[in-house]
């Protein structure tokens, strides 16, 4: 998966919109969305870091 500026800005816009929608709903949906955001951030981080971190033990 290629990460570029347009993809990241598009993901951010979608996450930003859905965050405010979920924020006014139940705690369950809010928490579910935050899990998805964390997963998305991990994906962005993993595909934007092509150099391994020296002290990672993976």
Protein backbone atom coordinates (compact mmCIF):
# COMPACT_ATOMS: atom_id res chain seq x y z
CA UNK A 1 0.00 0.00 0.00
CA UNK A 2 1.45 3.32 -1.08
CA UNK A 3 1.11 6.20 1.35
CA UNK A 4 1.11 9.64 -0.19
CA UNK A 5 -0.08 13.07 0.88
CA UNK A 6 -3.47 12.87 -0.85
CA UNK A 7 -4.26 9.51 0.72
CA UNK A 8 -3.27 10.64 4.20
CA UNK A 9 -5.19 13.92 3.94
CA UNK A 10 -8.22 12.03 2.65
CA UNK A 11 -8.05 9.54 5.52
CA UNK A 12 -7.70 12.42 7.98
CA UNK A 13 -10.74 14.19 6.56
CA UNK A 14 -12.86 11.03 6.74
CA UNK A 15 -11.70 10.27 10.28
CA UNK A 16 -12.34 13.86 11.33
CA UNK A 17 -15.91 13.84 9.98
CA UNK A 18 -16.85 10.46 11.42
CA UNK A 19 -15.27 11.36 14.75
CA UNK A 20 -17.69 14.24 15.26
CA UNK A 21 -20.62 12.07 14.15
CA UNK A 22 -19.72 9.34 16.62
CA UNK A 23 -18.91 11.79 19.40
CA UNK A 24 -22.59 12.70 19.74
CA UNK A 25 -23.69 9.06 19.76
CA UNK A 26 -23.15 6.32 22.32
CA UNK A 27 -19.93 5.60 24.16
CA UNK A 28 -19.72 2.22 22.40
CA UNK A 29 -19.57 3.76 18.95
CA UNK A 30 -17.15 6.43 20.13
CA UNK A 31 -14.79 3.80 21.53
CA UNK A 32 -15.16 1.65 18.41
CA UNK A 33 -14.20 4.61 16.23
CA UNK A 34 -11.18 5.42 18.39
CA UNK A 35 -9.98 1.84 17.94
CA UNK A 36 -10.29 2.28 14.20
CA UNK A 37 -8.38 5.57 14.35
CA UNK A 38 -5.59 3.92 16.33
CA UNK A 39 -5.43 1.11 13.77
CA UNK A 40 -5.31 3.67 10.95
CA UNK A 41 -2.52 5.58 12.67
CA UNK A 42 -0.54 2.37 13.11
CA UNK A 43 -1.01 1.65 9.40
CA UNK A 44 0.13 5.16 8.44
CA UNK A 45 3.13 4.88 10.75
CA UNK A 46 4.10 1.43 9.52
CA UNK A 47 3.99 2.38 5.85
CA UNK A 48 5.72 5.73 6.35
CA UNK A 49 8.63 4.25 8.31
CA UNK A 50 10.81 2.28 5.95
CA UNK A 51 13.78 2.33 8.32
CA UNK A 52 13.44 0.05 11.36
CA UNK A 53 13.75 1.62 14.80
CA UNK A 54 17.07 0.56 16.39
CA UNK A 55 15.61 -0.36 19.79
CA UNK A 56 12.55 -2.23 18.51
CA UNK A 57 12.53 -5.89 19.42
CA UNK A 58 9.97 -7.11 16.87
